[in-house]
mmCIF file of all heavy atoms, coordinates in Angstrom:
data_MODEL
# 
_entry.id   MODEL 
# 
loop_
_atom_site.group_PDB 
_atom_site.id 
_atom_site.type_symbol 
_atom_site.label_atom_id 
_atom_site.label_alt_id 
_atom_site.label_comp_id 
_atom_site.label_asym_id 
_atom_site.label_entity_id 
_atom_site.label_seq_id 
_atom_site.pdbx_PDB_ins_code 
_atom_site.Cartn_x 
_atom_site.Cartn_y 
_atom_site.Cartn_z 
_atom_site.occupancy 
_atom_site.B_iso_or_equiv 
_atom_site.pdbx_formal_charge 
_atom_site.auth_seq_id 
_atom_site.auth_comp_id 
_atom_site.auth_asym_id 
_atom_site.auth_atom_id 
_atom_site.pdbx_PDB_model_num 
ATOM 1   N N   . GLY A 1 1  ? -9.198  -213.859 -28.789 1.00 0.00 ? 1  GLY A N   1 
ATOM 2   C CA  . GLY A 1 1  ? -9.378  -212.610 -29.527 1.00 0.00 ? 1  GLY A CA  1 
ATOM 3   C C   . GLY A 1 1  ? -9.785  -211.444 -28.644 1.00 0.00 ? 1  GLY A C   1 
ATOM 4   O O   . GLY A 1 1  ? -10.328 -210.456 -29.121 1.00 0.00 ? 1  GLY A O   1 
ATOM 5   N N   . ILE A 1 2  ? -9.519  -211.554 -27.353 1.00 0.00 ? 2  ILE A N   1 
ATOM 6   C CA  . ILE A 1 2  ? -9.872  -210.499 -26.392 1.00 0.00 ? 2  ILE A CA  1 
ATOM 7   C C   . ILE A 1 2  ? -8.588  -209.949 -25.777 1.00 0.00 ? 2  ILE A C   1 
ATOM 8   O O   . ILE A 1 2  ? -7.779  -210.701 -25.238 1.00 0.00 ? 2  ILE A O   1 
ATOM 9   C CB  . ILE A 1 2  ? -10.800 -211.031 -25.283 1.00 0.00 ? 2  ILE A CB  1 
ATOM 10  C CG1 . ILE A 1 2  ? -12.107 -211.548 -25.882 1.00 0.00 ? 2  ILE A CG1 1 
ATOM 11  C CG2 . ILE A 1 2  ? -11.068 -209.955 -24.241 1.00 0.00 ? 2  ILE A CG2 1 
ATOM 12  C CD1 . ILE A 1 2  ? -13.024 -212.237 -24.878 1.00 0.00 ? 2  ILE A CD1 1 
ATOM 13  N N   . ASP A 1 3  ? -8.423  -208.640 -25.869 1.00 0.00 ? 3  ASP A N   1 
ATOM 14  C CA  . ASP A 1 3  ? -7.275  -207.970 -25.263 1.00 0.00 ? 3  ASP A CA  1 
ATOM 15  C C   . ASP A 1 3  ? -7.601  -207.688 -23.801 1.00 0.00 ? 3  ASP A C   1 
ATOM 16  O O   . ASP A 1 3  ? -8.462  -206.870 -23.501 1.00 0.00 ? 3  ASP A O   1 
ATOM 17  C CB  . ASP A 1 3  ? -6.985  -206.669 -26.012 1.00 0.00 ? 3  ASP A CB  1 
ATOM 18  C CG  . ASP A 1 3  ? -5.853  -205.872 -25.393 1.00 0.00 ? 3  ASP A CG  1 
ATOM 19  O OD1 . ASP A 1 3  ? -4.972  -206.470 -24.744 1.00 0.00 ? 3  ASP A OD1 1 
ATOM 20  O OD2 . ASP A 1 3  ? -5.851  -204.633 -25.559 1.00 0.00 ? 3  ASP A OD2 1 
ATOM 21  N N   . VAL A 1 4  ? -6.926  -208.391 -22.879 1.00 0.00 ? 4  VAL A N   1 
ATOM 22  C CA  . VAL A 1 4  ? -7.138  -208.186 -21.447 1.00 0.00 ? 4  VAL A CA  1 
ATOM 23  C C   . VAL A 1 4  ? -6.077  -207.205 -20.958 1.00 0.00 ? 4  VAL A C   1 
ATOM 24  O O   . VAL A 1 4  ? -4.888  -207.482 -21.041 1.00 0.00 ? 4  VAL A O   1 
ATOM 25  C CB  . VAL A 1 4  ? -7.035  -209.508 -20.660 1.00 0.00 ? 4  VAL A CB  1 
ATOM 26  C CG1 . VAL A 1 4  ? -7.226  -209.262 -19.172 1.00 0.00 ? 4  VAL A CG1 1 
ATOM 27  C CG2 . VAL A 1 4  ? -8.059  -210.512 -21.175 1.00 0.00 ? 4  VAL A CG2 1 
ATOM 28  N N   . GLU A 1 5  ? -6.530  -206.058 -20.478 1.00 0.00 ? 5  GLU A N   1 
ATOM 29  C CA  . GLU A 1 5  ? -5.617  -205.024 -19.992 1.00 0.00 ? 5  GLU A CA  1 
ATOM 30  C C   . GLU A 1 5  ? -5.797  -204.866 -18.485 1.00 0.00 ? 5  GLU A C   1 
ATOM 31  O O   . GLU A 1 5  ? -6.905  -204.653 -18.005 1.00 0.00 ? 5  GLU A O   1 
ATOM 32  C CB  . GLU A 1 5  ? -5.911  -203.689 -20.671 1.00 0.00 ? 5  GLU A CB  1 
ATOM 33  C CG  . GLU A 1 5  ? -5.015  -202.563 -20.214 1.00 0.00 ? 5  GLU A CG  1 
ATOM 34  C CD  . GLU A 1 5  ? -5.402  -201.227 -20.834 1.00 0.00 ? 5  GLU A CD  1 
ATOM 35  O OE1 . GLU A 1 5  ? -5.911  -201.225 -21.973 1.00 0.00 ? 5  GLU A OE1 1 
ATOM 36  O OE2 . GLU A 1 5  ? -5.198  -200.198 -20.174 1.00 0.00 ? 5  GLU A OE2 1 
ATOM 37  N N   . VAL A 1 6  ? -4.697  -204.976 -17.754 1.00 0.00 ? 6  VAL A N   1 
ATOM 38  C CA  . VAL A 1 6  ? -4.735  -204.809 -16.307 1.00 0.00 ? 6  VAL A CA  1 
ATOM 39  C C   . VAL A 1 6  ? -4.628  -203.314 -16.002 1.00 0.00 ? 6  VAL A C   1 
ATOM 40  O O   . VAL A 1 6  ? -3.700  -202.644 -16.447 1.00 0.00 ? 6  VAL A O   1 
ATOM 41  C CB  . VAL A 1 6  ? -3.585  -205.581 -15.623 1.00 0.00 ? 6  VAL A CB  1 
ATOM 42  C CG1 . VAL A 1 6  ? -3.554  -205.302 -14.135 1.00 0.00 ? 6  VAL A CG1 1 
ATOM 43  C CG2 . VAL A 1 6  ? -3.735  -207.073 -15.881 1.00 0.00 ? 6  VAL A CG2 1 
ATOM 44  N N   . VAL A 1 7  ? -5.616  -202.797 -15.278 1.00 0.00 ? 7  VAL A N   1 
ATOM 45  C CA  . VAL A 1 7  ? -5.639  -201.375 -14.902 1.00 0.00 ? 7  VAL A CA  1 
ATOM 46  C C   . VAL A 1 7  ? -4.741  -201.206 -13.684 1.00 0.00 ? 7  VAL A C   1 
ATOM 47  O O   . VAL A 1 7  ? -4.996  -201.788 -12.628 1.00 0.00 ? 7  VAL A O   1 
ATOM 48  C CB  . VAL A 1 7  ? -7.085  -200.909 -14.591 1.00 0.00 ? 7  VAL A CB  1 
ATOM 49  C CG1 . VAL A 1 7  ? -7.094  -199.454 -14.165 1.00 0.00 ? 7  VAL A CG1 1 
ATOM 50  C CG2 . VAL A 1 7  ? -7.974  -201.134 -15.793 1.00 0.00 ? 7  VAL A CG2 1 
ATOM 51  N N   . GLN A 1 8  ? -3.685  -200.429 -13.853 1.00 0.00 ? 8  GLN A N   1 
ATOM 52  C CA  . GLN A 1 8  ? -2.722  -200.208 -12.771 1.00 0.00 ? 8  GLN A CA  1 
ATOM 53  C C   . GLN A 1 8  ? -3.179  -199.079 -11.868 1.00 0.00 ? 8  GLN A C   1 
ATOM 54  O O   . GLN A 1 8  ? -3.793  -198.116 -12.312 1.00 0.00 ? 8  GLN A O   1 
ATOM 55  C CB  . GLN A 1 8  ? -1.341  -199.869 -13.349 1.00 0.00 ? 8  GLN A CB  1 
ATOM 56  C CG  . GLN A 1 8  ? -0.774  -200.967 -14.222 1.00 0.00 ? 8  GLN A CG  1 
ATOM 57  C CD  . GLN A 1 8  ? -0.501  -202.248 -13.458 1.00 0.00 ? 8  GLN A CD  1 
ATOM 58  O OE1 . GLN A 1 8  ? -0.158  -202.229 -12.287 1.00 0.00 ? 8  GLN A OE1 1 
ATOM 59  N NE2 . GLN A 1 8  ? -0.684  -203.379 -14.130 1.00 0.00 ? 8  GLN A NE2 1 
ATOM 60  N N   . ARG A 1 9  ? -2.850  -199.196 -10.597 1.00 0.00 ? 9  ARG A N   1 
ATOM 61  C CA  . ARG A 1 9  ? -3.150  -198.139 -9.634  1.00 0.00 ? 9  ARG A CA  1 
ATOM 62  C C   . ARG A 1 9  ? -2.174  -196.988 -9.836  1.00 0.00 ? 9  ARG A C   1 
ATOM 63  O O   . ARG A 1 9  ? -0.999  -197.220 -10.105 1.00 0.00 ? 9  ARG A O   1 
ATOM 64  C CB  . ARG A 1 9  ? -3.027  -198.654 -8.208  1.00 0.00 ? 9  ARG A CB  1 
ATOM 65  C CG  . ARG A 1 9  ? -4.074  -199.686 -7.868  1.00 0.00 ? 9  ARG A CG  1 
ATOM 66  C CD  . ARG A 1 9  ? -4.043  -199.975 -6.368  1.00 0.00 ? 9  ARG A CD  1 
ATOM 67  N NE  . ARG A 1 9  ? -4.985  -201.006 -6.030  1.00 0.00 ? 9  ARG A NE  1 
ATOM 68  C CZ  . ARG A 1 9  ? -6.266  -200.792 -5.793  1.00 0.00 ? 9  ARG A CZ  1 
ATOM 69  N NH1 . ARG A 1 9  ? -6.747  -199.582 -5.861  1.00 0.00 ? 9  ARG A NH1 1 
ATOM 70  N NH2 . ARG A 1 9  ? -7.073  -201.790 -5.497  1.00 0.00 ? 9  ARG A NH2 1 
ATOM 71  N N   . PRO A 1 10 ? -2.648  -195.747 -9.658  1.00 0.00 ? 10 PRO A N   1 
ATOM 72  C CA  . PRO A 1 10 ? -1.721  -194.617 -9.770  1.00 0.00 ? 10 PRO A CA  1 
ATOM 73  C C   . PRO A 1 10 ? -0.730  -194.622 -8.614  1.00 0.00 ? 10 PRO A C   1 
ATOM 74  O O   . PRO A 1 10 ? -1.004  -195.164 -7.542  1.00 0.00 ? 10 PRO A O   1 
ATOM 75  C CB  . PRO A 1 10 ? -2.631  -193.386 -9.714  1.00 0.00 ? 10 PRO A CB  1 
ATOM 76  C CG  . PRO A 1 10 ? -3.914  -193.865 -9.152  1.00 0.00 ? 10 PRO A CG  1 
ATOM 77  C CD  . PRO A 1 10 ? -4.015  -195.330 -9.399  1.00 0.00 ? 10 PRO A CD  1 
ATOM 78  N N   . ARG A 1 11 ? 0.405   -194.024 -8.814  1.00 0.00 ? 11 ARG A N   1 
ATOM 79  C CA  . ARG A 1 11 ? 1.477   -194.021 -7.814  1.00 0.00 ? 11 ARG A CA  1 
ATOM 80  C C   . ARG A 1 11 ? 1.378   -192.850 -6.848  1.00 0.00 ? 11 ARG A C   1 
ATOM 81  O O   . ARG A 1 11 ? 2.333   -192.533 -6.171  1.00 0.00 ? 11 ARG A O   1 
ATOM 82  C CB  . ARG A 1 11 ? 2.835   -193.983 -8.516  1.00 0.00 ? 11 ARG A CB  1 
ATOM 83  C CG  . ARG A 1 11 ? 3.040   -195.122 -9.479  1.00 0.00 ? 11 ARG A CG  1 
ATOM 84  C CD  . ARG A 1 11 ? 4.000   -196.122 -8.897  1.00 0.00 ? 11 ARG A CD  1 
ATOM 85  N NE  . ARG A 1 11 ? 4.256   -197.183 -9.859  1.00 0.00 ? 11 ARG A NE  1 
ATOM 86  C CZ  . ARG A 1 11 ? 4.014   -198.442 -9.603  1.00 0.00 ? 11 ARG A CZ  1 
ATOM 87  N NH1 . ARG A 1 11 ? 3.504   -198.797 -8.448  1.00 0.00 ? 11 ARG A NH1 1 
ATOM 88  N NH2 . ARG A 1 11 ? 4.276   -199.363 -10.494 1.00 0.00 ? 11 ARG A NH2 1 
ATOM 89  N N   . VAL A 1 12 ? 0.229   -192.191 -6.766  1.00 0.00 ? 12 VAL A N   1 
ATOM 90  C CA  . VAL A 1 12 ? 0.059   -191.054 -5.863  1.00 0.00 ? 12 VAL A CA  1 
ATOM 91  C C   . VAL A 1 12 ? -0.501  -191.523 -4.531  1.00 0.00 ? 12 VAL A C   1 
ATOM 92  O O   . VAL A 1 12 ? -1.147  -192.565 -4.438  1.00 0.00 ? 12 VAL A O   1 
ATOM 93  C CB  . VAL A 1 12 ? -0.877  -189.976 -6.483  1.00 0.00 ? 12 VAL A CB  1 
ATOM 94  C CG1 . VAL A 1 12 ? -0.253  -189.396 -7.735  1.00 0.00 ? 12 VAL A CG1 1 
ATOM 95  C CG2 . VAL A 1 12 ? -2.242  -190.544 -6.780  1.00 0.00 ? 12 VAL A CG2 1 
ATOM 96  N N   . LYS A 1 13 ? -0.259  -190.741 -3.486  1.00 0.00 ? 13 LYS A N   1 
ATOM 97  C CA  . LYS A 1 13 ? -0.787  -191.071 -2.165  1.00 0.00 ? 13 LYS A CA  1 
ATOM 98  C C   . LYS A 1 13 ? -2.259  -190.688 -2.071  1.00 0.00 ? 13 LYS A C   1 
ATOM 99  O O   . LYS A 1 13 ? -2.720  -189.775 -2.744  1.00 0.00 ? 13 LYS A O   1 
ATOM 100 C CB  . LYS A 1 13 ? -0.013  -190.318 -1.081  1.00 0.00 ? 13 LYS A CB  1 
ATOM 101 C CG  . LYS A 1 13 ? 1.275   -190.954 -0.686  1.00 0.00 ? 13 LYS A CG  1 
ATOM 102 C CD  . LYS A 1 13 ? 1.848   -190.235 0.511   1.00 0.00 ? 13 LYS A CD  1 
ATOM 103 C CE  . LYS A 1 13 ? 2.579   -191.214 1.385   1.00 0.00 ? 13 LYS A CE  1 
ATOM 104 N NZ  . LYS A 1 13 ? 2.994   -190.619 2.633   1.00 0.00 ? 13 LYS A NZ  1 
ATOM 105 N N   . GLY A 1 14 ? -2.965  -191.380 -1.193  1.00 0.00 ? 14 GLY A N   1 
ATOM 106 C CA  . GLY A 1 14 ? -4.368  -191.055 -0.957  1.00 0.00 ? 14 GLY A CA  1 
ATOM 107 C C   . GLY A 1 14 ? -5.295  -191.814 -1.881  1.00 0.00 ? 14 GLY A C   1 
ATOM 108 O O   . GLY A 1 14 ? -4.886  -192.589 -2.730  1.00 0.00 ? 14 GLY A O   1 
ATOM 109 N N   . PHE A 1 15 ? -6.588  -191.555 -1.695  1.00 0.00 ? 15 PHE A N   1 
ATOM 110 C CA  . PHE A 1 15 ? -7.616  -192.237 -2.475  1.00 0.00 ? 15 PHE A CA  1 
ATOM 111 C C   . PHE A 1 15 ? -7.644  -191.680 -3.890  1.00 0.00 ? 15 PHE A C   1 
ATOM 112 O O   . PHE A 1 15 ? -7.687  -190.464 -4.096  1.00 0.00 ? 15 PHE A O   1 
ATOM 113 C CB  . PHE A 1 15 ? -8.983  -192.062 -1.821  1.00 0.00 ? 15 PHE A CB  1 
ATOM 114 C CG  . PHE A 1 15 ? -10.100 -192.647 -2.632  1.00 0.00 ? 15 PHE A CG  1 
ATOM 115 C CD1 . PHE A 1 15 ? -10.273 -194.019 -2.699  1.00 0.00 ? 15 PHE A CD1 1 
ATOM 116 C CD2 . PHE A 1 15 ? -10.966 -191.837 -3.338  1.00 0.00 ? 15 PHE A CD2 1 
ATOM 117 C CE1 . PHE A 1 15 ? -11.302 -194.567 -3.451  1.00 0.00 ? 15 PHE A CE1 1 
ATOM 118 C CE2 . PHE A 1 15 ? -12.000 -192.373 -4.087  1.00 0.00 ? 15 PHE A CE2 1 
ATOM 119 C CZ  . PHE A 1 15 ? -12.160 -193.747 -4.142  1.00 0.00 ? 15 PHE A CZ  1 
ATOM 120 N N   . GLN A 1 16 ? -7.608  -192.547 -4.852  1.00 0.00 ? 16 GLN A N   1 
ATOM 121 C CA  . GLN A 1 16 ? -7.686  -192.168 -6.259  1.00 0.00 ? 16 GLN A CA  1 
ATOM 122 C C   . GLN A 1 16 ? -8.594  -193.171 -6.955  1.00 0.00 ? 16 GLN A C   1 
ATOM 123 O O   . GLN A 1 16 ? -8.202  -194.316 -7.161  1.00 0.00 ? 16 GLN A O   1 
ATOM 124 C CB  . GLN A 1 16 ? -6.281  -192.194 -6.867  1.00 0.00 ? 16 GLN A CB  1 
ATOM 125 C CG  . GLN A 1 16 ? -6.182  -191.618 -8.243  1.00 0.00 ? 16 GLN A CG  1 
ATOM 126 C CD  . GLN A 1 16 ? -6.205  -190.107 -8.241  1.00 0.00 ? 16 GLN A CD  1 
ATOM 127 O OE1 . GLN A 1 16 ? -5.975  -189.479 -7.228  1.00 0.00 ? 16 GLN A OE1 1 
ATOM 128 N NE2 . GLN A 1 16 ? -6.508  -189.528 -9.374  1.00 0.00 ? 16 GLN A NE2 1 
ATOM 129 N N   . PRO A 1 17 ? -9.839  -192.784 -7.297  1.00 0.00 ? 17 PRO A N   1 
ATOM 130 C CA  . PRO A 1 17 ? -10.716 -193.753 -7.968  1.00 0.00 ? 17 PRO A CA  1 
ATOM 131 C C   . PRO A 1 17 ? -10.180 -194.116 -9.347  1.00 0.00 ? 17 PRO A C   1 
ATOM 132 O O   . PRO A 1 17 ? -9.673  -193.259 -10.063 1.00 0.00 ? 17 PRO A O   1 
ATOM 133 C CB  . PRO A 1 17 ? -12.059 -193.027 -8.064  1.00 0.00 ? 17 PRO A CB  1 
ATOM 134 C CG  . PRO A 1 17 ? -11.735 -191.589 -7.933  1.00 0.00 ? 17 PRO A CG  1 
ATOM 135 C CD  . PRO A 1 17 ? -10.475 -191.490 -7.135  1.00 0.00 ? 17 PRO A CD  1 
ATOM 136 N N   . LEU A 1 18 ? -10.278 -195.377 -9.681  1.00 0.00 ? 18 LEU A N   1 
ATOM 137 C CA  . LEU A 1 18 ? -9.862  -195.853 -10.993 1.00 0.00 ? 18 LEU A CA  1 
ATOM 138 C C   . LEU A 1 18 ? -11.104 -195.897 -11.877 1.00 0.00 ? 18 LEU A C   1 
ATOM 139 O O   . LEU A 1 18 ? -11.994 -196.703 -11.641 1.00 0.00 ? 18 LEU A O   1 
ATOM 140 C CB  . LEU A 1 18 ? -9.238  -197.241 -10.883 1.00 0.00 ? 18 LEU A CB  1 
ATOM 141 C CG  . LEU A 1 18 ? -8.062  -197.366 -9.911  1.00 0.00 ? 18 LEU A CG  1 
ATOM 142 C CD1 . LEU A 1 18 ? -7.631  -198.808 -9.785  1.00 0.00 ? 18 LEU A CD1 1 
ATOM 143 C CD2 . LEU A 1 18 ? -6.920  -196.492 -10.355 1.00 0.00 ? 18 LEU A CD2 1 
ATOM 144 N N   . PRO A 1 19 ? -11.193 -195.024 -12.892 1.00 0.00 ? 19 PRO A N   1 
ATOM 145 C CA  . PRO A 1 19 ? -12.432 -194.912 -13.672 1.00 0.00 ? 19 PRO A CA  1 
ATOM 146 C C   . PRO A 1 19 ? -12.944 -196.237 -14.224 1.00 0.00 ? 19 PRO A C   1 
ATOM 147 O O   . PRO A 1 19 ? -14.127 -196.524 -14.132 1.00 0.00 ? 19 PRO A O   1 
ATOM 148 C CB  . PRO A 1 19 ? -12.042 -193.962 -14.809 1.00 0.00 ? 19 PRO A CB  1 
ATOM 149 C CG  . PRO A 1 19 ? -10.890 -193.190 -14.281 1.00 0.00 ? 19 PRO A CG  1 
ATOM 150 C CD  . PRO A 1 19 ? -10.159 -194.116 -13.355 1.00 0.00 ? 19 PRO A CD  1 
ATOM 151 N N   . LYS A 1 20 ? -12.092 -197.056 -14.789 1.00 0.00 ? 20 LYS A N   1 
ATOM 152 C CA  . LYS A 1 20 ? -12.560 -198.312 -15.374 1.00 0.00 ? 20 LYS A CA  1 
ATOM 153 C C   . LYS A 1 20 ? -12.947 -199.307 -14.284 1.00 0.00 ? 20 LYS A C   1 
ATOM 154 O O   . LYS A 1 20 ? -13.882 -200.068 -14.428 1.00 0.00 ? 20 LYS A O   1 
ATOM 155 C CB  . LYS A 1 20 ? -11.488 -198.879 -16.288 1.00 0.00 ? 20 LYS A CB  1 
ATOM 156 C CG  . LYS A 1 20 ? -11.262 -198.009 -17.510 1.00 0.00 ? 20 LYS A CG  1 
ATOM 157 C CD  . LYS A 1 20 ? -10.082 -198.477 -18.310 1.00 0.00 ? 20 LYS A CD  1 
ATOM 158 C CE  . LYS A 1 20 ? -9.851  -197.610 -19.507 1.00 0.00 ? 20 LYS A CE  1 
ATOM 159 N NZ  . LYS A 1 20 ? -9.207  -196.357 -19.213 1.00 0.00 ? 20 LYS A NZ  1 
ATOM 160 N N   . ARG A 1 21 ? -12.214 -199.323 -13.186 1.00 0.00 ? 21 ARG A N   1 
ATOM 161 C CA  . ARG A 1 21 ? -12.502 -200.233 -12.077 1.00 0.00 ? 21 ARG A CA  1 
ATOM 162 C C   . ARG A 1 21 ? -13.771 -199.800 -11.345 1.00 0.00 ? 21 ARG A C   1 
ATOM 163 O O   . ARG A 1 21 ? -14.493 -200.628 -10.811 1.00 0.00 ? 21 ARG A O   1 
ATOM 164 C CB  . ARG A 1 21 ? -11.298 -200.250 -11.126 1.00 0.00 ? 21 ARG A CB  1 
ATOM 165 C CG  . ARG A 1 21 ? -11.476 -201.066 -9.898  1.00 0.00 ? 21 ARG A CG  1 
ATOM 166 C CD  . ARG A 1 21 ? -11.348 -202.542 -10.168 1.00 0.00 ? 21 ARG A CD  1 
ATOM 167 N NE  . ARG A 1 21 ? -11.538 -203.267 -8.918  1.00 0.00 ? 21 ARG A NE  1 
ATOM 168 C CZ  . ARG A 1 21 ? -12.065 -204.443 -8.820  1.00 0.00 ? 21 ARG A CZ  1 
ATOM 169 N NH1 . ARG A 1 21 ? -12.429 -205.090 -9.889  1.00 0.00 ? 21 ARG A NH1 1 
ATOM 170 N NH2 . ARG A 1 21 ? -12.213 -205.017 -7.662  1.00 0.00 ? 21 ARG A NH2 1 
ATOM 171 N N   . TRP A 1 22 ? -14.062 -198.517 -11.333 1.00 0.00 ? 22 TRP A N   1 
ATOM 172 C CA  . TRP A 1 22 ? -15.218 -197.997 -10.614 1.00 0.00 ? 22 TRP A CA  1 
ATOM 173 C C   . TRP A 1 22 ? -16.520 -198.547 -11.190 1.00 0.00 ? 22 TRP A C   1 
ATOM 174 O O   . TRP A 1 22 ? -17.512 -198.701 -10.485 1.00 0.00 ? 22 TRP A O   1 
ATOM 175 C CB  . TRP A 1 22 ? -15.203 -196.471 -10.644 1.00 0.00 ? 22 TRP A CB  1 
ATOM 176 C CG  . TRP A 1 22 ? -16.122 -195.884 -9.641  1.00 0.00 ? 22 TRP A CG  1 
ATOM 177 C CD1 . TRP A 1 22 ? -17.306 -195.256 -9.891  1.00 0.00 ? 22 TRP A CD1 1 
ATOM 178 C CD2 . TRP A 1 22 ? -15.977 -195.882 -8.216  1.00 0.00 ? 22 TRP A CD2 1 
ATOM 179 N NE1 . TRP A 1 22 ? -17.899 -194.866 -8.713  1.00 0.00 ? 22 TRP A NE1 1 
ATOM 180 C CE2 . TRP A 1 22 ? -17.094 -195.242 -7.669  1.00 0.00 ? 22 TRP A CE2 1 
ATOM 181 C CE3 . TRP A 1 22 ? -15.012 -196.375 -7.362  1.00 0.00 ? 22 TRP A CE3 1 
ATOM 182 C CZ2 . TRP A 1 22 ? -17.269 -195.072 -6.317  1.00 0.00 ? 22 TRP A CZ2 1 
ATOM 183 C CZ3 . TRP A 1 22 ? -15.184 -196.197 -6.004  1.00 0.00 ? 22 TRP A CZ3 1 
ATOM 184 C CH2 . TRP A 1 22 ? -16.302 -195.556 -5.500  1.00 0.00 ? 22 TRP A CH2 1 
ATOM 185 N N   . VAL A 1 23 ? -16.545 -198.871 -12.468 1.00 0.00 ? 23 VAL A N   1 
ATOM 186 C CA  . VAL A 1 23 ? -17.754 -199.397 -13.105 1.00 0.00 ? 23 VAL A CA  1 
ATOM 187 C C   . VAL A 1 23 ? -18.188 -200.691 -12.424 1.00 0.00 ? 23 VAL A C   1 
ATOM 188 O O   . VAL A 1 23 ? -19.353 -200.852 -12.059 1.00 0.00 ? 23 VAL A O   1 
ATOM 189 C CB  . VAL A 1 23 ? -17.521 -199.622 -14.615 1.00 0.00 ? 23 VAL A CB  1 
ATOM 190 C CG1 . VAL A 1 23 ? -18.702 -200.336 -15.249 1.00 0.00 ? 23 VAL A CG1 1 
ATOM 191 C CG2 . VAL A 1 23 ? -17.267 -198.305 -15.316 1.00 0.00 ? 23 VAL A CG2 1 
ATOM 192 N N   . ILE A 1 24 ? -17.277 -201.621 -12.226 1.00 0.00 ? 24 ILE A N   1 
ATOM 193 C CA  . ILE A 1 24 ? -17.638 -202.909 -11.613 1.00 0.00 ? 24 ILE A CA  1 
ATOM 194 C C   . ILE A 1 24 ? -17.954 -202.732 -10.131 1.00 0.00 ? 24 ILE A C   1 
ATOM 195 O O   . ILE A 1 24 ? -18.849 -203.387 -9.605  1.00 0.00 ? 24 ILE A O   1 
ATOM 196 C CB  . ILE A 1 24 ? -16.536 -203.974 -11.850 1.00 0.00 ? 24 ILE A CB  1 
ATOM 197 C CG1 . ILE A 1 24 ? -17.042 -205.370 -11.469 1.00 0.00 ? 24 ILE A CG1 1 
ATOM 198 C CG2 . ILE A 1 24 ? -15.273 -203.657 -11.078 1.00 0.00 ? 24 ILE A CG2 1 
ATOM 199 C CD1 . ILE A 1 24 ? -18.044 -205.947 -12.391 1.00 0.00 ? 24 ILE A CD1 1 
# 
């Protein structure tokens, strides 16, 4: 009963923080 969503990396060059990944 848990929706597991994989957070994809953006397709832009350079450093781009992933808001949901940044928490962990």
